[in-house]
Amino acid sequence: MNEPRARWALTAAEGDGARLVPLGPGGVAGGPVVTEPDLVAAVRSRPWVERWVWRSTAEIYPRLLAAGVRVERCYDIECAEQLLLAHEGRLGEPRSAAAALARLRHQPVPPDPPQRAAEPGSQSSLFEPQPVPVPLESLLEVYGEQLRRHETAEHPGRLRLLTAAESAGMLVAAEMNRAGLPWRADVHRRVLTELLGERYAGGGEPRRLAELADEVSAAFGRRVRPDLPAEVVKAFAGAGVRIRSTRRWELEEIDHPAVRPLIEYKKLYRLWVAHGWGWLQDWVRDGRFRPGYVPGGTVSGRWTTKGGGALQLPKVIRRAVVADEGWRLVVADADQMEPRVLAAISRDPGLMEVAGHGGDLYTVLSDRAFSGDREHAKLALLGAVYGQTSGDGLKNLAALRRRFPAAVAHVDDAARAGEEGRLVRTWLGRTSPPAAGAGDTGEAGLPQEDPGAGGESEGRGFVPGHSSSDARARGRFTRNFVVQGSAADWALVLLAAVRRATAGMRAELVFFQHDEVIVHCPAEEADAVVRAIGEAGDLAGRIVFGETPVRFTFTTAVVECYADAK
């Protein structure tokens, strides 16, 4: 069977084996089931397969990569199930293939197995549920039903594209986890010693933190532990200064000799705890940092990691991210991604025209509507996305509404839907959680991204009708969701396009967060990689949003050290 666009389904079998079958229209078997003793050999011997359908990329693909086998495309059953459940207003139900099969057969639905441990060395309980095996024939039942469920969507073509993009993201994540981000442990140690001083025996605070703690105590005239906020607040109260927290902005308003060493202590303490010597020992192996990327780790579609704080690397620690000898890091930041996405999804003619310029979008916007004041233009546009409706934000939003009514109406409608407890969708059909499970929100109105080594936190949820403040909070969430979620959809297609464009090179995707991509490549490939990323951005825009005037541009740097990129 040598069709150049063939699609096959695959399951892992006992030992290292595999069961596989060619697929016909509608996801049904297009030939006999084949059993082979070696899964890797089964895939390697079928290079003409265009797309592999399997239960979970995380289950199959790392085994293939370890043997040097890459696949072009896949369809991830469990990724698709999560997207479909959300689209049907059932996000939060078990999304495993076994759960999907049980629902299809009207049987008791097994719980999802637990996520892998977030921290190195931790172990799962023996009593936690494990993945329920699903035979190949049963997997085809689930796949065929998923294809039918896609057709019932409001925009079937868009949802199919989202599923394909999410599956591609799973391939990229596995490849990045395999490649790892280049990391110089010696540079990292040198940075820590330079900033924190020497370590004391027994694992206590390093020298510089101990010195700053002494300065804080001296300023109060008694022993105060600066790592305990309640103790610091109490110490200030004893000095006649009332503060509600030890946040930096509040401390900076105080005239007290403890403020300077306390602020410095807090900054260095975060570095020591989040990316100190212990972190280095846990997370860096053989010159690579592998945090375990999780595509769609938040409901907005943004990625998270299983640990290591990869999405919160402070600039000083980026000094340790150094390309291999003779290689370079191509660091590409999407320019004003969310405003460009808003232009594309709202179809506002004026904002699309502004977003069609390759330069700084806020500068162009300021010339059109804010008398050349770039800062006001930026605040107005971000205020529309994030729901800032008081003070100067309200005034700026009014100016934006007059000039770009369709864009503001798009996010206003999403906010109103959220306040009323309705679902909202991204351009491709990623769907917000039901009203009672919208998630714990951060400052931007979306679930917190990668809070550190512990992985993503679970949300508490909004309950519309509980109070007017709950409804407003959900409105801010859904206002932001339609933009950030659509941006996440675009980024998935971008990654797939970059992956495809660099497939014939030695270049490797090694890092991604919502608006930034890093490719590690030989120095002689750097210019080609820069071009590939730029072309991929516009291609992704056309694939996701159709033909619009909007351009998706990048600020790109070719560097040896990540800290030098910006």
Protein backbone atom coordinates (compact mmCIF):
# COMPACT_ATOMS: atom_id res chain seq x y z
CA MET A 1 0.00 0.00 0.00
CA ASN A 2 1.96 2.99 -1.28
CA GLU A 3 -0.61 5.81 -1.36
CA PRO A 4 1.35 9.03 -0.77
CA ARG A 5 -1.37 10.41 1.53
CA ALA A 6 -2.26 7.24 3.44
CA ARG A 7 -3.65 7.35 6.97
CA TRP A 8 -3.02 4.51 9.41
CA ALA A 9 -4.15 3.81 12.97
CA LEU A 10 -1.70 2.39 15.48
CA THR A 11 -1.76 1.05 19.01
CA ALA A 12 1.07 -0.23 21.14
CA ALA A 13 0.88 -3.98 21.70
CA GLU A 14 2.37 -6.30 24.27
CA GLY A 15 6.09 -5.78 24.80
CA ASP A 16 7.54 -3.61 22.04
CA GLY A 17 4.98 -4.60 19.44
CA ALA A 18 2.24 -2.77 17.61
CA ARG A 19 -1.12 -3.38 15.97
CA LEU A 20 -1.93 -1.18 13.01
CA VAL A 21 -4.41 -0.86 10.19
CA PRO A 22 -4.89 1.36 7.11
CA LEU A 23 -7.90 3.66 7.32
CA GLY A 24 -10.62 4.33 4.81
CA PRO A 25 -13.25 7.10 4.64
CA GLY A 26 -15.03 7.85 7.90
CA GLY A 27 -12.25 6.37 10.00
CA VAL A 28 -13.16 2.75 9.32
CA ALA A 29 -10.56 0.06 8.65
CA GLY A 30 -9.46 0.09 5.02
CA GLY A 31 -7.68 -3.24 5.18
CA PRO A 32 -6.70 -6.03 7.53
CA VAL A 33 -5.22 -5.40 10.97
CA VAL A 34 -1.50 -6.06 11.03
CA THR A 35 0.40 -7.17 14.13
CA GLU A 36 4.13 -6.47 14.18
CA PRO A 37 6.70 -7.35 16.86
CA ASP A 38 8.41 -3.94 16.84
CA LEU A 39 6.47 -0.67 16.98
CA VAL A 40 9.44 1.40 15.85
CA ALA A 41 10.12 -0.85 12.87
CA ALA A 42 6.43 -0.80 11.96
CA VAL A 43 6.45 2.99 11.66
CA ARG A 44 9.91 3.23 10.10
CA SER A 45 8.94 0.80 7.34
CA ARG A 46 5.96 2.97 6.31
CA PRO A 47 7.48 6.38 5.50
CA TRP A 48 4.66 7.09 3.04
CA VAL A 49 2.05 7.31 5.80
CA GLU A 50 0.85 10.91 5.87
CA ARG A 51 -0.88 10.81 9.26
CA TRP A 52 -0.80 8.35 12.13
CA VAL A 53 -3.92 8.03 14.28
CA TRP A 54 -3.11 6.95 17.83
CA ARG A 55 -4.38 7.22 21.37
CA SER A 56 -1.75 9.54 22.73
CA THR A 57 1.31 11.17 21.22
CA ALA A 58 2.92 11.19 24.66
CA GLU A 59 2.58 7.40 24.76
CA ILE A 60 3.95 6.59 21.29
CA TYR A 61 6.12 9.38 19.91
CA PRO A 62 8.94 9.51 22.51
CA ARG A 63 9.66 5.84 21.72
CA LEU A 64 9.94 6.68 18.04
CA LEU A 65 12.13 9.72 18.62
CA ALA A 66 14.47 7.71 20.84
CA ALA A 67 15.02 5.43 17.84
CA GLY A 68 15.53 8.34 15.43
CA VAL A 69 12.09 8.07 13.78
CA ARG A 70 10.05 11.22 13.11
CA VAL A 71 6.53 11.32 11.73
CA GLU A 72 5.05 14.02 9.55
CA ARG A 73 1.59 14.27 11.10
CA CYS A 74 -0.61 12.57 13.64
CA TYR A 75 -4.14 12.62 15.00
CA ASP A 76 -4.11 12.45 18.80
CA ILE A 77 -7.36 10.82 19.98
CA GLU A 78 -7.13 12.18 23.52
CA CYS A 79 -6.30 15.74 22.41
CA ALA A 80 -9.28 15.63 20.08
CA GLU A 81 -11.53 14.31 22.84
CA GLN A 82 -10.66 17.22 25.11
CA LEU A 83 -11.37 19.77 22.38
CA LEU A 84 -14.67 18.09 21.49
CA LEU A 85 -15.80 17.82 25.10
CA ALA A 86 -15.13 21.53 25.58
CA HIS A 87 -16.98 22.36 22.36
CA GLU A 88 -19.98 20.41 23.68
CA GLY A 89 -19.88 22.29 27.02
CA ARG A 90 -18.49 19.27 28.90
CA LEU A 91 -14.93 20.33 29.62
CA GLY A 92 -13.68 18.60 32.73
CA GLU A 93 -15.14 15.19 31.92
CA PRO A 94 -12.53 12.42 31.52
CA ARG A 95 -10.84 12.75 28.13
CA SER A 96 -8.97 9.44 27.82
CA ALA A 97 -9.69 7.12 24.90
CA ALA A 98 -11.13 4.63 27.39
CA ALA A 99 -13.50 7.30 28.73
CA ALA A 100 -14.57 8.26 25.20
CA LEU A 101 -15.25 4.59 24.41
CA ALA A 102 -17.27 4.15 27.59
CA ARG A 103 -19.43 7.17 26.78
CA LEU A 104 -19.95 5.87 23.25
CA ARG A 105 -21.11 2.50 24.61
CA HIS A 106 -23.11 4.02 27.50
CA GLN A 107 -20.91 2.31 30.07
CA PRO A 108 -19.39 3.62 33.35
CA VAL A 109 -16.73 6.18 32.50
CA PRO A 110 -13.29 5.57 34.05
CA PRO A 111 -11.42 8.54 35.54
CA ASP A 112 -8.44 9.94 33.70
CA PRO A 113 -5.05 8.73 34.93
CA PRO A 114 -3.09 11.33 36.91
CA GLN A 115 -0.69 13.70 35.25
CA ARG A 116 2.95 12.79 35.57
CA ALA A 117 4.69 14.16 38.64
CA ALA A 118 5.51 17.83 38.35
CA GLU A 119 8.83 17.63 40.20
CA PRO A 120 11.85 15.46 39.44
CA GLY A 121 12.11 12.42 41.64
CA SER A 122 8.54 12.47 42.97
CA GLN A 123 6.49 9.33 42.49
CA SER A 124 2.84 8.56 41.86
CA SER A 125 0.80 6.59 44.35
CA LEU A 126 0.28 2.88 43.66
CA PHE A 127 -3.42 3.47 44.21
CA GLU A 128 -3.85 6.17 41.56
CA PRO A 129 -5.76 5.08 38.42
CA GLN A 130 -3.61 3.96 35.50
CA PRO A 131 -4.40 4.29 31.75
CA VAL A 132 -7.05 1.81 30.65
CA PRO A 133 -5.86 -0.07 27.54
CA VAL A 134 -8.02 0.38 24.44
CA PRO A 135 -7.74 -2.24 21.65
CA LEU A 136 -7.19 -1.02 18.11
CA GLU A 137 -10.70 -1.97 16.98
CA SER A 138 -12.20 0.02 19.86
CA LEU A 139 -9.93 2.96 19.12
CA LEU A 140 -11.36 3.05 15.60
CA GLU A 141 -14.87 3.27 17.08
CA VAL A 142 -13.82 6.33 19.07
CA TYR A 143 -12.04 7.86 16.07
CA GLY A 144 -15.03 7.42 13.77
CA GLU A 145 -17.35 8.97 16.34
CA GLN A 146 -14.96 11.91 16.80
CA LEU A 147 -15.01 12.54 13.06
CA ARG A 148 -18.81 12.66 13.20
CA ARG A 149 -18.77 14.97 16.22
CA HIS A 150 -16.50 17.38 14.36
CA GLU A 151 -19.15 17.65 11.64
CA THR A 152 -21.76 18.82 14.15
CA ALA A 153 -19.67 21.81 15.21
CA GLU A 154 -20.68 25.38 14.37
CA HIS A 155 -17.70 25.58 11.98
CA PRO A 156 -16.60 21.99 11.25
CA GLY A 157 -13.64 22.96 9.07
CA ARG A 158 -12.21 25.25 11.71
CA LEU A 159 -12.58 22.67 14.47
CA ARG A 160 -10.90 20.04 12.29
CA LEU A 161 -8.03 22.46 11.75
CA LEU A 162 -7.78 23.08 15.49
CA THR A 163 -7.61 19.35 16.19
CA ALA A 164 -4.91 18.91 13.55
CA ALA A 165 -2.97 21.86 14.97
CA GLU A 166 -3.25 20.60 18.56
CA SER A 167 -2.02 17.18 17.41
CA ALA A 168 0.89 18.86 15.61
CA GLY A 169 1.66 20.72 18.81
CA MET A 170 1.95 17.41 20.62
CA LEU A 171 4.57 16.30 18.08
CA VAL A 172 6.49 19.56 18.52
CA ALA A 173 6.34 19.26 22.31
CA ALA A 174 7.73 15.72 22.23
CA GLU A 175 10.53 16.80 19.90
CA MET A 176 11.41 19.79 22.09
CA ASN A 177 11.39 17.58 25.18
CA ARG A 178 13.77 15.26 23.36
CA ALA A 179 16.08 18.03 22.11
CA GLY A 180 16.13 20.14 25.29
CA LEU A 181 17.12 23.78 25.68
CA PRO A 182 20.94 24.17 25.62
CA TRP A 183 22.09 24.97 29.14
CA ARG A 184 25.56 25.72 30.50
CA ALA A 185 25.61 24.52 34.12
CA ASP A 186 28.99 26.19 34.70
CA VAL A 187 27.62 29.57 33.63
CA HIS A 188 24.54 29.07 35.80
CA ARG A 189 26.71 28.32 38.86
CA ARG A 190 28.86 31.35 38.15
CA VAL A 191 25.78 33.60 37.97
CA LEU A 192 24.46 32.21 41.26
CA THR A 193 27.77 32.74 43.03
CA GLU A 194 28.08 36.25 41.60
CA LEU A 195 24.60 37.27 42.81
CA LEU A 196 24.05 35.12 45.90
CA GLY A 197 27.55 34.53 47.18
CA GLU A 198 28.91 31.27 48.51
CA ARG A 199 26.67 28.51 49.81
CA TYR A 200 26.91 27.52 53.43
CA ALA A 201 27.06 23.90 54.52
CA GLY A 202 23.74 22.33 55.44
CA GLY A 203 21.68 23.96 52.69
CA GLY A 204 21.00 27.27 54.45
CA GLU A 205 20.68 30.63 52.76
CA PRO A 206 23.75 31.68 50.75
CA ARG A 207 26.00 34.45 52.00
CA ARG A 208 24.38 37.44 50.27
CA LEU A 209 20.89 36.52 51.50
CA ALA A 210 22.20 36.09 55.03
CA GLU A 211 23.84 39.52 54.86
CA LEU A 212 20.65 41.17 53.61
CA ALA A 213 18.60 39.41 56.30
CA ASP A 214 20.96 40.87 58.89
CA GLU A 215 20.53 44.35 57.37
CA VAL A 216 16.74 44.03 57.55
CA SER A 217 16.91 42.93 61.18
CA ALA A 218 19.30 45.76 62.03
CA ALA A 219 16.92 48.29 60.48
CA PHE A 220 14.12 47.08 62.76
CA GLY A 221 16.35 46.73 65.82
CA ARG A 222 15.37 43.10 66.33
CA ARG A 223 15.51 39.78 64.51
CA VAL A 224 13.07 39.66 61.59
CA ARG A 225 12.87 36.92 58.97
CA PRO A 226 12.44 38.66 55.61
CA ASP A 227 11.21 35.43 53.96
CA LEU A 228 8.06 35.51 56.14
CA PRO A 229 5.67 38.25 54.91
CA ALA A 230 3.52 38.19 58.05
CA GLU A 231 6.58 38.77 60.22
CA VAL A 232 7.69 41.66 58.00
CA VAL A 233 4.24 43.29 58.11
CA LYS A 234 4.26 42.95 61.90
CA ALA A 235 7.75 44.47 62.12
CA PHE A 236 6.68 47.50 60.09
CA ALA A 237 3.61 47.90 62.29
CA GLY A 238 5.89 47.92 65.32
CA ALA A 239 7.81 50.74 63.66
CA GLY A 240 4.59 52.72 63.14
CA VAL A 241 4.23 51.86 59.43
CA ARG A 242 1.08 50.09 58.26
CA ILE A 243 1.29 47.98 55.11
CA ARG A 244 -1.09 45.35 53.74
CA SER A 245 1.52 43.24 51.98
CA THR A 246 5.21 43.05 51.14
CA ARG A 247 4.71 43.62 47.42
CA ARG A 248 7.43 45.74 45.90
CA TRP A 249 5.19 48.60 44.77
CA GLU A 250 3.86 49.00 48.32
CA LEU A 251 7.29 48.82 49.93
CA GLU A 252 8.69 51.48 47.57
CA GLU A 253 6.21 54.00 48.95
CA ILE A 254 7.67 53.65 52.47
CA ASP A 255 10.51 55.72 53.90
CA HIS A 256 12.23 53.20 56.17
CA PRO A 257 15.81 51.85 56.26
CA ALA A 258 14.56 48.24 55.95
CA VAL A 259 13.00 48.81 52.52
CA ARG A 260 16.15 48.70 50.35
CA PRO A 261 17.65 45.48 51.79
CA LEU A 262 14.19 43.88 51.95
CA ILE A 263 13.46 44.49 48.26
CA GLU A 264 16.91 43.20 47.32
CA TYR A 265 16.43 40.16 49.56
CA LYS A 266 13.05 39.31 47.99
CA LYS A 267 14.50 39.49 44.47
CA LEU A 268 17.47 37.28 45.27
CA TYR A 269 15.40 34.91 47.40
CA ARG A 270 13.11 34.22 44.42
CA LEU A 271 16.16 33.50 42.29
CA TRP A 272 17.60 31.12 44.91
CA VAL A 273 14.33 29.23 45.41
CA ALA A 274 13.13 29.10 41.79
CA HIS A 275 16.41 28.72 39.85
CA GLY A 276 19.14 28.11 42.40
CA TRP A 277 21.60 25.25 42.83
CA GLY A 278 18.86 22.79 43.72
CA TRP A 279 16.93 23.63 40.55
CA LEU A 280 20.07 23.20 38.46
CA GLN A 281 20.71 19.77 39.92
CA ASP A 282 17.12 18.67 39.36
CA TRP A 283 16.39 20.01 35.90
CA VAL A 284 19.59 20.16 33.82
CA ARG A 285 21.02 16.93 32.41
CA ASP A 286 23.81 16.55 29.85
CA GLY A 287 23.77 20.23 29.01
CA ARG A 288 20.03 20.41 28.35
CA PHE A 289 16.97 21.68 30.23
CA ARG A 290 13.86 19.57 29.57
CA PRO A 291 10.83 20.91 31.45
CA GLY A 292 8.20 18.69 29.82
CA TYR A 293 6.01 20.90 27.63
CA VAL A 294 2.23 20.46 27.87
CA PRO A 295 0.37 21.80 24.82
CA GLY A 296 -3.01 23.22 25.74
CA GLY A 297 -2.05 23.14 29.40
CA THR A 298 -4.52 25.95 30.14
CA VAL A 299 -8.08 26.32 28.93
CA SER A 300 -7.01 29.16 26.64
CA GLY A 301 -4.73 26.75 24.75
CA ARG A 302 -1.54 28.27 26.05
CA TRP A 303 1.20 25.81 26.86
CA THR A 304 2.44 25.01 30.32
CA THR A 305 5.22 22.74 31.54
CA LYS A 306 5.33 19.86 33.97
CA GLY A 307 7.84 21.78 36.07
CA GLY A 308 11.04 23.75 36.13
CA GLY A 309 9.46 27.18 35.59
CA ALA A 310 10.51 27.16 31.91
CA LEU A 311 8.00 29.87 31.03
CA GLN A 312 9.30 32.20 33.75
CA LEU A 313 13.05 32.25 33.17
CA PRO A 314 14.47 35.52 34.59
CA LYS A 315 16.80 37.37 32.26
CA VAL A 316 19.81 36.90 34.53
CA ILE A 317 19.40 33.12 34.34
CA ARG A 318 19.05 33.26 30.55
CA ARG A 319 22.79 33.89 30.56
CA ALA A 320 23.14 30.12 31.05
CA VAL A 321 21.20 29.37 27.84
CA VAL A 322 24.11 29.17 25.43
CA ALA A 323 24.20 27.60 21.96
CA ASP A 324 26.53 24.71 21.27
CA GLU A 325 29.86 25.56 19.68
CA GLY A 326 29.32 26.56 16.07
CA TRP A 327 25.57 26.84 16.62
CA ARG A 328 23.22 29.79 17.21
CA LEU A 329 19.94 30.51 18.93
CA VAL A 330 17.33 32.13 16.70
CA VAL A 331 15.00 33.92 19.13
CA ALA A 332 11.79 35.18 17.53
CA ASP A 333 9.18 37.30 19.35
CA ALA A 334 5.80 37.82 17.68
CA ASP A 335 5.16 41.56 17.39
CA GLN A 336 2.00 42.73 19.21
CA MET A 337 0.44 39.31 18.66
CA GLU A 338 -2.83 39.77 20.52
CA PRO A 339 -3.84 43.09 18.91
CA ARG A 340 -3.15 41.56 15.49
CA VAL A 341 -5.26 38.55 16.41
CA LEU A 342 -8.08 40.83 17.57
CA ALA A 343 -7.98 42.57 14.19
CA ALA A 344 -8.21 39.24 12.39
CA ILE A 345 -11.04 37.72 14.45
CA SER A 346 -13.15 40.90 14.64
CA ARG A 347 -12.72 41.72 10.96
CA ASP A 348 -12.64 45.40 11.92
CA PRO A 349 -11.55 47.15 8.70
CA GLY A 350 -9.71 49.95 10.46
CA LEU A 351 -7.80 47.74 12.88
CA MET A 352 -6.97 45.25 10.11
CA GLU A 353 -5.47 48.13 8.15
CA VAL A 354 -3.38 49.13 11.17
CA ALA A 355 -2.30 45.50 11.71
CA GLY A 356 -1.31 45.24 8.06
CA HIS A 357 1.79 47.32 8.74
CA GLY A 358 5.02 45.49 9.43
CA GLY A 359 6.27 48.02 11.94
CA ASP A 360 5.23 48.74 15.50
CA LEU A 361 1.44 48.40 15.64
CA TYR A 362 1.01 50.74 18.60
CA THR A 363 2.86 53.53 16.83
CA VAL A 364 0.62 53.18 13.77
CA LEU A 365 -2.44 53.03 16.02
CA SER A 366 -1.38 56.15 17.89
CA ASP A 367 -1.08 58.06 14.62
CA ARG A 368 -4.58 56.96 13.58
CA ALA A 369 -6.53 57.55 16.78
CA PHE A 370 -4.45 58.93 19.65
CA SER A 371 -2.65 62.00 18.32
CA GLY A 372 0.68 60.20 18.20
CA ASP A 373 0.58 59.10 21.86
CA ARG A 374 1.85 55.51 21.63
CA GLU A 375 1.42 54.78 25.33
CA HIS A 376 -2.24 55.75 25.30
CA ALA A 377 -2.79 53.70 22.16
CA LYS A 378 -1.23 50.64 23.79
CA LEU A 379 -3.19 51.08 27.02
CA ALA A 380 -6.44 51.47 25.10
CA LEU A 381 -5.99 48.35 23.00
CA LEU A 382 -4.80 46.17 25.86
CA GLY A 383 -7.55 47.63 28.04
CA ALA A 384 -10.11 46.44 25.50
CA VAL A 385 -8.66 42.94 25.60
CA TYR A 386 -8.19 42.76 29.36
CA GLY A 387 -11.32 44.62 30.39
CA GLN A 388 -9.91 47.78 31.96
CA THR A 389 -13.05 49.91 32.21
CA SER A 390 -12.20 52.51 34.84
CA GLY A 391 -10.15 55.71 35.02
CA ASP A 392 -8.01 56.45 31.97
CA GLY A 393 -8.82 52.96 30.68
CA LEU A 394 -12.47 53.93 30.19
CA LYS A 395 -11.53 57.15 28.40
CA ASN A 396 -9.07 55.36 26.12
CA LEU A 397 -11.60 52.60 25.43
CA ALA A 398 -14.16 55.18 24.31
CA ALA A 399 -11.69 56.57 21.77
CA LEU A 400 -10.94 53.06 20.56
CA ARG A 401 -14.64 52.23 20.23
CA ARG A 402 -15.24 55.28 18.05
CA ARG A 403 -12.42 54.39 15.67
CA PHE A 404 -12.58 50.57 15.73
CA PRO A 405 -16.19 49.69 16.65
CA ALA A 406 -16.16 46.09 15.36
CA ALA A 407 -13.03 45.19 17.32
CA VAL A 408 -14.36 46.55 20.61
CA ALA A 409 -17.80 45.04 19.97
CA HIS A 410 -16.18 41.62 19.47
CA VAL A 411 -14.62 41.54 22.94
CA ASP A 412 -17.63 43.31 24.49
CA ASP A 413 -19.89 40.55 23.13
CA ALA A 414 -17.58 37.90 24.55
CA ALA A 415 -17.62 39.60 27.95
CA ARG A 416 -21.41 39.83 27.92
CA ALA A 417 -21.68 36.14 27.02
CA GLY A 418 -19.42 35.27 29.94
CA GLU A 419 -21.40 37.40 32.38
CA GLU A 420 -24.55 35.59 31.27
CA GLY A 421 -22.94 32.18 31.77
CA ARG A 422 -22.74 31.32 28.07
CA LEU A 423 -19.82 29.61 26.31
CA VAL A 424 -17.51 31.52 24.00
CA ARG A 425 -15.18 30.16 21.35
CA THR A 426 -11.92 31.11 19.71
CA TRP A 427 -11.79 31.60 15.96
CA LEU A 428 -11.04 27.89 15.42
CA GLY A 429 -13.53 26.68 18.01
CA ARG A 430 -11.59 26.17 21.23
CA THR A 431 -14.29 26.64 23.85
CA SER A 432 -14.31 28.29 27.25
CA PRO A 433 -15.19 26.17 30.29
CA PRO A 434 -18.76 26.03 31.56
CA ALA A 435 -19.66 28.80 33.96
CA ALA A 436 -18.89 26.79 37.09
CA GLY A 437 -15.37 25.82 35.94
CA ALA A 438 -13.78 28.79 34.30
CA GLY A 439 -10.64 28.51 36.40
CA ASP A 440 -8.65 30.56 38.83
CA THR A 441 -7.68 33.75 37.09
CA GLY A 442 -4.54 35.80 37.17
CA GLU A 443 -4.22 39.48 36.43
CA ALA A 444 -5.04 39.00 32.74
CA GLY A 445 -8.26 37.10 33.43
CA LEU A 446 -6.95 33.71 32.34
CA PRO A 447 -5.66 30.77 34.38
CA GLN A 448 -2.15 31.31 35.62
CA GLU A 449 0.56 30.09 33.26
CA ASP A 450 3.28 27.82 34.58
CA PRO A 451 3.49 29.12 38.17
CA GLY A 452 6.80 27.38 38.71
CA ALA A 453 8.23 23.99 39.52
CA GLY A 454 4.91 22.69 40.75
CA GLY A 455 3.17 22.85 37.37
CA GLU A 456 -0.13 24.54 36.66
CA SER A 457 -2.46 25.22 39.55
CA GLU A 458 -6.04 24.00 39.54
CA GLY A 459 -8.73 26.66 39.29
CA ARG A 460 -11.55 27.41 41.68
CA GLY A 461 -14.03 28.41 38.98
CA PHE A 462 -16.61 31.13 38.46
CA VAL A 463 -20.24 30.62 39.42
CA PRO A 464 -22.42 33.21 37.65
CA GLY A 465 -25.39 34.20 39.74
CA HIS A 466 -23.38 33.69 42.91
CA SER A 467 -22.66 37.41 42.92
CA SER A 468 -22.32 40.27 40.51
CA SER A 469 -18.56 40.26 41.05
CA ASP A 470 -18.41 36.61 39.92
CA ALA A 471 -20.28 37.49 36.75
CA ARG A 472 -17.97 40.43 36.04
CA ALA A 473 -14.92 38.24 36.66
CA ARG A 474 -16.19 35.66 34.21
CA GLY A 475 -16.89 38.43 31.72
CA ARG A 476 -13.28 39.58 31.94
CA PHE A 477 -12.21 35.98 31.49
CA THR A 478 -14.27 35.39 28.33
CA ARG A 479 -13.35 38.82 26.91
CA ASN A 480 -9.71 37.81 27.13
CA PHE A 481 -10.31 34.18 26.18
CA VAL A 482 -11.47 34.87 22.63
CA VAL A 483 -8.28 36.83 21.91
CA GLN A 484 -5.65 34.87 23.84
CA GLY A 485 -7.22 31.57 22.83
CA SER A 486 -7.26 32.54 19.15
CA ALA A 487 -3.63 33.65 19.51
CA ALA A 488 -2.81 30.23 20.95
CA ASP A 489 -4.53 28.60 17.96
CA TRP A 490 -2.44 30.71 15.58
CA ALA A 491 0.73 29.82 17.49
CA LEU A 492 0.04 26.09 17.08
CA VAL A 493 -0.16 26.47 13.32
CA LEU A 494 2.96 28.64 13.41
CA LEU A 495 4.88 25.88 15.21
CA ALA A 496 3.68 23.28 12.72
CA ALA A 497 4.79 25.52 9.83
CA VAL A 498 8.22 26.19 11.37
CA ARG A 499 8.64 22.47 12.04
CA ARG A 500 7.83 21.64 8.44
CA ALA A 501 10.02 24.41 7.00
CA THR A 502 13.05 23.28 8.99
CA ALA A 503 12.52 19.54 8.47
CA GLY A 504 15.45 19.24 6.07
CA MET A 505 17.84 21.15 8.31
CA ARG A 506 19.76 20.26 11.45
CA ALA A 507 17.86 23.04 13.21
CA GLU A 508 15.74 22.11 16.24
CA LEU A 509 12.84 23.85 17.93
CA VAL A 510 13.94 24.03 21.57
CA PHE A 511 11.69 26.56 23.31
CA PHE A 512 8.20 28.00 22.99
CA GLN A 513 5.94 30.21 25.01
CA HIS A 514 2.85 31.97 23.75
CA ASP A 515 4.60 34.65 21.66
CA GLU A 516 8.21 33.48 21.53
CA VAL A 517 10.03 30.70 19.68
CA ILE A 518 13.67 29.62 19.94
CA VAL A 519 15.35 27.48 17.30
CA HIS A 520 18.83 26.02 17.93
CA CYS A 521 20.69 25.62 14.66
CA PRO A 522 24.14 25.55 13.07
CA ALA A 523 25.39 29.07 12.42
CA GLU A 524 25.20 28.56 8.65
CA GLU A 525 21.47 27.75 8.90
CA ALA A 526 20.54 30.82 10.96
CA ASP A 527 19.52 33.08 8.06
CA ALA A 528 17.34 30.34 6.57
CA VAL A 529 15.68 29.77 9.96
CA VAL A 530 14.94 33.49 10.32
CA ARG A 531 13.27 33.47 6.90
CA ALA A 532 11.37 30.29 7.73
CA ILE A 533 9.92 31.77 10.92
CA GLY A 534 8.86 34.97 9.18
CA GLU A 535 7.17 33.08 6.36
CA ALA A 536 5.55 30.69 8.84
CA GLY A 537 3.96 33.58 10.73
CA ASP A 538 2.12 34.92 7.70
CA LEU A 539 1.27 31.41 6.49
CA ALA A 540 -0.24 30.59 9.87
CA GLY A 541 -2.27 33.80 9.69
CA ARG A 542 -3.72 32.83 6.31
CA ILE A 543 -4.43 29.23 7.34
CA VAL A 544 -6.15 30.17 10.61
CA PHE A 545 -7.91 33.44 9.77
CA GLY A 546 -8.19 33.33 6.00
CA GLU A 547 -7.08 36.08 3.66
CA THR A 548 -6.96 39.34 5.63
CA PRO A 549 -4.72 42.42 5.48
CA VAL A 550 -3.29 41.48 8.89
CA ARG A 551 0.41 40.66 9.00
CA PHE A 552 2.05 38.60 11.72
CA THR A 553 5.61 39.83 12.07
CA PHE A 554 8.52 38.99 14.36
CA THR A 555 11.40 40.69 16.07
CA THR A 556 14.19 38.17 15.59
CA ALA A 557 17.69 37.93 17.03
CA VAL A 558 20.47 35.49 16.15
CA VAL A 559 22.62 35.08 19.24
CA GLU A 560 24.91 32.69 21.03
CA CYS A 561 23.37 33.48 24.44
CA TYR A 562 19.63 33.85 25.11
CA ALA A 563 20.19 36.82 27.44
CA ASP A 564 21.60 38.81 24.51
CA ALA A 565 18.40 38.49 22.48
CA LYS A 566 16.53 41.28 24.25
